[in-house]
N, C-alpha and C. Protein backbone atom coordinates (compact mmCIF):
# COMPACT_ATOMS: atom_id res chain seq x y z
N UNK A 1 -150.94 -214.46 127.52
CA UNK A 1 -150.25 -215.02 128.66
C UNK A 1 -149.87 -216.46 128.35
N UNK A 2 -148.93 -217.00 129.13
CA UNK A 2 -148.39 -218.33 128.83
C UNK A 2 -149.43 -219.43 128.87
N UNK A 3 -150.35 -219.35 129.81
CA UNK A 3 -151.36 -220.40 129.94
C UNK A 3 -152.25 -220.44 128.71
N UNK A 4 -152.71 -219.30 128.26
CA UNK A 4 -153.53 -219.25 127.04
C UNK A 4 -152.74 -219.74 125.83
N UNK A 5 -151.48 -219.36 125.75
CA UNK A 5 -150.64 -219.76 124.63
C UNK A 5 -150.41 -221.27 124.63
N UNK A 6 -149.98 -221.82 125.77
CA UNK A 6 -149.67 -223.25 125.84
C UNK A 6 -150.90 -224.13 125.67
N UNK A 7 -152.05 -223.65 126.10
CA UNK A 7 -153.28 -224.44 125.99
C UNK A 7 -153.93 -224.34 124.60
N UNK A 8 -153.39 -223.47 123.76
CA UNK A 8 -153.93 -223.32 122.41
C UNK A 8 -155.16 -222.43 122.33
N UNK A 9 -155.50 -221.77 123.42
CA UNK A 9 -156.71 -220.95 123.43
C UNK A 9 -156.59 -219.69 122.59
N UNK A 10 -155.38 -219.36 122.15
CA UNK A 10 -155.24 -218.17 121.31
C UNK A 10 -155.51 -218.50 119.84
N UNK A 11 -155.79 -219.76 119.55
CA UNK A 11 -156.03 -220.16 118.16
C UNK A 11 -157.25 -219.45 117.56
N UNK A 12 -158.16 -219.00 118.41
CA UNK A 12 -159.32 -218.25 117.88
C UNK A 12 -158.88 -216.94 117.24
N UNK A 13 -157.69 -216.49 117.56
CA UNK A 13 -157.12 -215.29 116.95
C UNK A 13 -156.10 -215.67 115.87
N UNK A 14 -155.20 -216.61 116.20
CA UNK A 14 -154.10 -216.92 115.28
C UNK A 14 -154.56 -217.65 114.02
N UNK A 15 -155.52 -218.54 114.14
CA UNK A 15 -155.96 -219.28 112.95
C UNK A 15 -156.57 -218.38 111.88
N UNK A 16 -157.48 -217.47 112.23
CA UNK A 16 -157.99 -216.55 111.20
C UNK A 16 -156.88 -215.68 110.59
N UNK A 17 -155.93 -215.26 111.42
CA UNK A 17 -154.83 -214.45 110.88
C UNK A 17 -154.03 -215.26 109.86
N UNK A 18 -153.76 -216.53 110.19
CA UNK A 18 -153.03 -217.40 109.27
C UNK A 18 -153.81 -217.59 107.97
N UNK A 19 -155.11 -217.85 108.08
CA UNK A 19 -155.93 -218.07 106.89
C UNK A 19 -155.96 -216.85 105.98
N UNK A 20 -155.89 -215.66 106.58
CA UNK A 20 -155.90 -214.43 105.80
C UNK A 20 -154.51 -214.01 105.34
N UNK A 21 -153.49 -214.78 105.73
CA UNK A 21 -152.13 -214.45 105.33
C UNK A 21 -151.55 -213.25 106.05
N UNK A 22 -152.07 -212.97 107.22
CA UNK A 22 -151.60 -211.82 108.00
C UNK A 22 -150.49 -212.28 108.95
N UNK A 23 -149.29 -211.75 108.79
CA UNK A 23 -148.20 -212.14 109.71
C UNK A 23 -148.47 -211.63 111.12
N UNK A 24 -148.08 -212.42 112.11
CA UNK A 24 -148.25 -212.02 113.50
C UNK A 24 -147.12 -212.59 114.33
N UNK A 25 -146.96 -212.05 115.50
CA UNK A 25 -145.95 -212.50 116.46
C UNK A 25 -146.63 -212.60 117.81
N UNK A 26 -146.33 -213.65 118.56
CA UNK A 26 -146.92 -213.84 119.89
C UNK A 26 -145.86 -213.60 120.95
N UNK A 27 -146.21 -212.79 121.93
CA UNK A 27 -145.37 -212.60 123.12
C UNK A 27 -146.19 -213.09 124.30
N UNK A 28 -145.78 -214.22 124.88
CA UNK A 28 -146.57 -214.82 125.97
C UNK A 28 -145.82 -214.86 127.29
N UNK A 29 -144.71 -214.17 127.39
CA UNK A 29 -143.89 -214.21 128.61
C UNK A 29 -144.32 -213.19 129.65
N UNK A 30 -145.61 -213.08 129.89
CA UNK A 30 -146.12 -212.14 130.88
C UNK A 30 -146.53 -212.92 132.13
N UNK A 31 -145.93 -212.56 133.25
CA UNK A 31 -146.24 -213.19 134.53
C UNK A 31 -147.29 -212.35 135.26
N UNK A 32 -147.80 -212.88 136.36
CA UNK A 32 -148.67 -212.08 137.23
C UNK A 32 -147.86 -210.90 137.76
N UNK A 33 -148.50 -209.76 137.86
CA UNK A 33 -147.83 -208.53 138.29
C UNK A 33 -146.56 -208.30 137.47
N UNK A 34 -146.71 -208.07 136.17
CA UNK A 34 -145.54 -207.96 135.29
C UNK A 34 -144.63 -206.80 135.67
N UNK A 35 -143.37 -207.00 135.42
CA UNK A 35 -142.36 -206.00 135.73
C UNK A 35 -142.12 -205.10 134.52
N UNK A 36 -141.44 -204.01 134.74
CA UNK A 36 -141.07 -203.12 133.65
C UNK A 36 -140.13 -203.86 132.70
N UNK A 37 -139.29 -204.74 133.23
CA UNK A 37 -138.38 -205.53 132.38
C UNK A 37 -139.17 -206.39 131.40
N UNK A 38 -140.27 -206.96 131.85
CA UNK A 38 -141.14 -207.76 130.99
C UNK A 38 -141.72 -206.89 129.88
N UNK A 39 -142.19 -205.72 130.23
CA UNK A 39 -142.76 -204.80 129.24
C UNK A 39 -141.70 -204.35 128.24
N UNK A 40 -140.50 -204.11 128.71
CA UNK A 40 -139.41 -203.71 127.81
C UNK A 40 -139.07 -204.84 126.85
N UNK A 41 -139.11 -206.08 127.33
CA UNK A 41 -138.85 -207.24 126.46
C UNK A 41 -139.91 -207.34 125.36
N UNK A 42 -141.17 -207.15 125.73
CA UNK A 42 -142.24 -207.17 124.75
C UNK A 42 -142.13 -206.01 123.77
N UNK A 43 -141.77 -204.85 124.26
CA UNK A 43 -141.62 -203.68 123.38
C UNK A 43 -140.47 -203.89 122.39
N UNK A 44 -139.42 -204.55 122.84
CA UNK A 44 -138.29 -204.85 121.95
C UNK A 44 -138.73 -205.78 120.82
N UNK A 45 -139.55 -206.78 121.15
CA UNK A 45 -140.09 -207.67 120.13
C UNK A 45 -140.96 -206.87 119.15
N UNK A 46 -141.74 -205.93 119.68
CA UNK A 46 -142.57 -205.09 118.81
C UNK A 46 -141.70 -204.26 117.86
N UNK A 47 -140.60 -203.73 118.37
CA UNK A 47 -139.72 -202.94 117.51
C UNK A 47 -139.15 -203.78 116.37
N UNK A 48 -138.85 -205.05 116.64
CA UNK A 48 -138.30 -205.90 115.58
C UNK A 48 -139.39 -206.35 114.60
N UNK A 49 -140.61 -206.53 115.06
CA UNK A 49 -141.71 -207.01 114.21
C UNK A 49 -142.49 -205.86 113.57
N UNK A 50 -142.57 -204.73 114.24
CA UNK A 50 -143.28 -203.53 113.79
C UNK A 50 -144.76 -203.81 113.48
N UNK A 51 -145.53 -204.17 114.50
CA UNK A 51 -146.95 -204.47 114.26
C UNK A 51 -147.77 -203.22 113.97
N UNK A 52 -148.84 -203.41 113.21
CA UNK A 52 -149.81 -202.34 112.98
C UNK A 52 -150.85 -202.31 114.09
N UNK A 53 -151.09 -203.48 114.68
CA UNK A 53 -152.10 -203.64 115.73
C UNK A 53 -151.52 -204.52 116.83
N UNK A 54 -151.87 -204.20 118.06
CA UNK A 54 -151.47 -205.01 119.21
C UNK A 54 -152.75 -205.61 119.79
N UNK A 55 -152.77 -206.93 119.90
CA UNK A 55 -153.93 -207.63 120.45
C UNK A 55 -153.50 -208.22 121.79
N UNK A 56 -154.18 -207.86 122.85
CA UNK A 56 -153.86 -208.38 124.19
C UNK A 56 -154.94 -209.37 124.61
N UNK A 57 -154.53 -210.56 125.01
CA UNK A 57 -155.45 -211.59 125.50
C UNK A 57 -155.02 -211.99 126.90
N UNK A 58 -155.97 -212.16 127.77
CA UNK A 58 -155.63 -212.65 129.11
C UNK A 58 -156.29 -211.84 130.19
N UNK A 59 -155.71 -211.94 131.36
CA UNK A 59 -156.24 -211.25 132.52
C UNK A 59 -155.62 -209.87 132.66
N UNK A 60 -155.77 -209.31 133.84
CA UNK A 60 -155.30 -207.96 134.11
C UNK A 60 -153.82 -207.76 133.89
N UNK A 61 -153.01 -208.75 134.26
CA UNK A 61 -151.57 -208.62 134.08
C UNK A 61 -151.20 -208.51 132.61
N UNK A 62 -151.82 -209.35 131.77
CA UNK A 62 -151.54 -209.29 130.33
C UNK A 62 -152.00 -207.96 129.75
N UNK A 63 -153.16 -207.48 130.19
CA UNK A 63 -153.68 -206.20 129.70
C UNK A 63 -152.76 -205.05 130.11
N UNK A 64 -152.36 -205.04 131.38
CA UNK A 64 -151.49 -203.97 131.87
C UNK A 64 -150.14 -203.99 131.16
N UNK A 65 -149.57 -205.20 130.99
CA UNK A 65 -148.29 -205.31 130.31
C UNK A 65 -148.40 -204.82 128.87
N UNK A 66 -149.48 -205.17 128.19
CA UNK A 66 -149.66 -204.75 126.79
C UNK A 66 -149.74 -203.23 126.68
N UNK A 67 -150.41 -202.59 127.63
CA UNK A 67 -150.51 -201.13 127.60
C UNK A 67 -149.13 -200.49 127.71
N UNK A 68 -148.32 -200.97 128.63
CA UNK A 68 -146.98 -200.40 128.82
C UNK A 68 -146.09 -200.73 127.62
N UNK A 69 -146.19 -201.96 127.10
CA UNK A 69 -145.41 -202.32 125.91
C UNK A 69 -145.75 -201.38 124.76
N UNK A 70 -147.04 -201.11 124.59
CA UNK A 70 -147.47 -200.21 123.52
C UNK A 70 -146.85 -198.83 123.68
N UNK A 71 -146.90 -198.28 124.89
CA UNK A 71 -146.33 -196.95 125.12
C UNK A 71 -144.83 -196.97 124.83
N UNK A 72 -144.13 -198.00 125.31
CA UNK A 72 -142.69 -198.07 125.08
C UNK A 72 -142.36 -198.24 123.59
N UNK A 73 -143.24 -198.92 122.85
CA UNK A 73 -143.02 -199.13 121.41
C UNK A 73 -143.38 -197.88 120.60
N UNK A 74 -144.57 -197.35 120.81
CA UNK A 74 -145.05 -196.23 120.01
C UNK A 74 -144.45 -194.89 120.44
N UNK A 75 -144.08 -194.77 121.69
CA UNK A 75 -143.57 -193.50 122.23
C UNK A 75 -142.28 -193.75 123.02
N UNK A 76 -141.21 -194.16 122.34
CA UNK A 76 -139.98 -194.51 123.06
C UNK A 76 -139.37 -193.35 123.83
N UNK A 77 -139.73 -192.13 123.48
CA UNK A 77 -139.21 -190.97 124.19
C UNK A 77 -140.04 -190.59 125.42
N UNK A 78 -141.17 -191.29 125.63
CA UNK A 78 -142.01 -191.01 126.79
C UNK A 78 -141.26 -191.39 128.07
N UNK A 79 -141.45 -190.61 129.10
CA UNK A 79 -140.79 -190.84 130.38
C UNK A 79 -141.68 -191.73 131.25
N UNK A 80 -141.29 -193.00 131.38
CA UNK A 80 -142.11 -193.94 132.13
C UNK A 80 -142.25 -193.52 133.60
N UNK A 81 -141.23 -192.92 134.16
CA UNK A 81 -141.30 -192.48 135.56
C UNK A 81 -142.41 -191.45 135.75
N UNK A 82 -142.59 -190.57 134.77
CA UNK A 82 -143.67 -189.59 134.85
C UNK A 82 -145.04 -190.25 134.75
N UNK A 83 -145.16 -191.26 133.89
CA UNK A 83 -146.43 -191.97 133.74
C UNK A 83 -146.82 -192.72 135.00
N UNK A 84 -145.83 -193.26 135.68
CA UNK A 84 -146.09 -194.09 136.84
C UNK A 84 -146.16 -193.31 138.14
N UNK A 85 -146.07 -191.98 138.06
CA UNK A 85 -146.05 -191.18 139.28
C UNK A 85 -147.33 -191.33 140.09
N UNK A 86 -147.22 -191.18 141.37
CA UNK A 86 -148.36 -191.22 142.26
C UNK A 86 -148.96 -189.81 142.36
N UNK A 87 -150.24 -189.74 142.52
CA UNK A 87 -150.88 -188.45 142.70
C UNK A 87 -152.06 -188.63 143.64
N UNK A 88 -152.44 -187.58 144.30
CA UNK A 88 -153.49 -187.66 145.30
C UNK A 88 -154.88 -187.53 144.71
N UNK A 89 -155.00 -186.80 143.62
CA UNK A 89 -156.31 -186.53 143.05
C UNK A 89 -156.27 -186.80 141.56
N UNK A 90 -157.02 -187.80 141.10
CA UNK A 90 -156.99 -188.21 139.69
C UNK A 90 -157.37 -187.06 138.76
N UNK A 91 -158.13 -186.11 139.25
CA UNK A 91 -158.51 -184.96 138.41
C UNK A 91 -157.35 -184.02 138.17
N UNK A 92 -156.26 -184.19 138.92
CA UNK A 92 -155.11 -183.30 138.79
C UNK A 92 -153.91 -184.00 138.17
N UNK A 93 -154.18 -185.01 137.35
CA UNK A 93 -153.09 -185.72 136.67
C UNK A 93 -152.32 -184.71 135.82
N UNK A 94 -151.00 -184.73 135.92
CA UNK A 94 -150.19 -183.77 135.20
C UNK A 94 -149.51 -184.38 133.98
N UNK A 95 -149.67 -185.68 133.77
CA UNK A 95 -149.06 -186.33 132.62
C UNK A 95 -150.13 -186.59 131.57
N UNK A 96 -149.89 -186.17 130.35
CA UNK A 96 -150.82 -186.40 129.24
C UNK A 96 -150.48 -187.73 128.59
N UNK A 97 -151.35 -188.72 128.76
CA UNK A 97 -151.11 -190.03 128.16
C UNK A 97 -151.45 -189.99 126.68
N UNK A 98 -150.63 -190.66 125.84
CA UNK A 98 -150.95 -190.71 124.42
C UNK A 98 -152.20 -191.55 124.18
N UNK A 99 -152.92 -191.25 123.11
CA UNK A 99 -154.12 -192.00 122.78
C UNK A 99 -153.73 -193.37 122.24
N UNK A 100 -154.36 -194.40 122.75
CA UNK A 100 -154.02 -195.78 122.36
C UNK A 100 -154.99 -196.29 121.30
N UNK A 101 -154.46 -197.05 120.37
CA UNK A 101 -155.27 -197.77 119.40
C UNK A 101 -154.85 -199.22 119.50
N UNK A 102 -155.58 -199.99 120.30
CA UNK A 102 -155.25 -201.38 120.53
C UNK A 102 -156.52 -202.15 120.79
N UNK A 103 -156.42 -203.47 120.73
CA UNK A 103 -157.55 -204.34 121.02
C UNK A 103 -157.18 -205.18 122.22
N UNK A 104 -157.99 -205.14 123.26
CA UNK A 104 -157.77 -205.95 124.46
C UNK A 104 -158.98 -206.84 124.66
N UNK A 105 -158.73 -208.11 124.88
CA UNK A 105 -159.81 -209.07 125.11
C UNK A 105 -159.60 -209.72 126.46
N UNK A 106 -160.39 -209.31 127.48
CA UNK A 106 -160.24 -209.92 128.80
C UNK A 106 -160.69 -211.38 128.77
N UNK A 107 -159.95 -212.22 129.47
CA UNK A 107 -160.26 -213.66 129.50
C UNK A 107 -160.50 -214.16 130.91
N UNK A 108 -160.63 -213.26 131.86
CA UNK A 108 -160.94 -213.66 133.23
C UNK A 108 -162.10 -212.81 133.72
N UNK A 109 -162.93 -213.35 134.62
CA UNK A 109 -164.10 -212.59 135.08
C UNK A 109 -163.78 -211.24 135.70
N UNK A 110 -162.69 -211.17 136.46
CA UNK A 110 -162.38 -209.92 137.14
C UNK A 110 -161.97 -208.83 136.17
N UNK A 111 -161.49 -209.20 134.99
CA UNK A 111 -161.05 -208.21 134.01
C UNK A 111 -162.16 -207.80 133.05
N UNK A 112 -163.22 -208.57 133.00
CA UNK A 112 -164.28 -208.30 132.04
C UNK A 112 -164.96 -206.97 132.28
N UNK A 113 -164.80 -206.42 133.46
CA UNK A 113 -165.44 -205.15 133.77
C UNK A 113 -164.57 -203.98 133.37
N UNK A 114 -163.32 -204.19 132.96
CA UNK A 114 -162.41 -203.09 132.61
C UNK A 114 -162.80 -202.44 131.32
């Protein structure tokens, strides 16, 4: 998220990557309650950079945005409308979500329980 990026708090991740010579790209344009447009922007950056790993830092909004960006990047043919559908009983979900391989690091107390 922008606050972590501007304050330099992501250096605990970026500095080791730099020291190891691992290229990385930062997307910090995630607002509270991110929109699908925000996720599409991040997914577009992923398509141009082609990361092997996605690292999400921040609160719930950053985590949620990263999940959607990942789906849009890894599964561009997935129907987002089907994923976002409402249902009455979680046991009767009719959409099969793809398995995610990502690292998420919550940085706020309310997200630490996720």
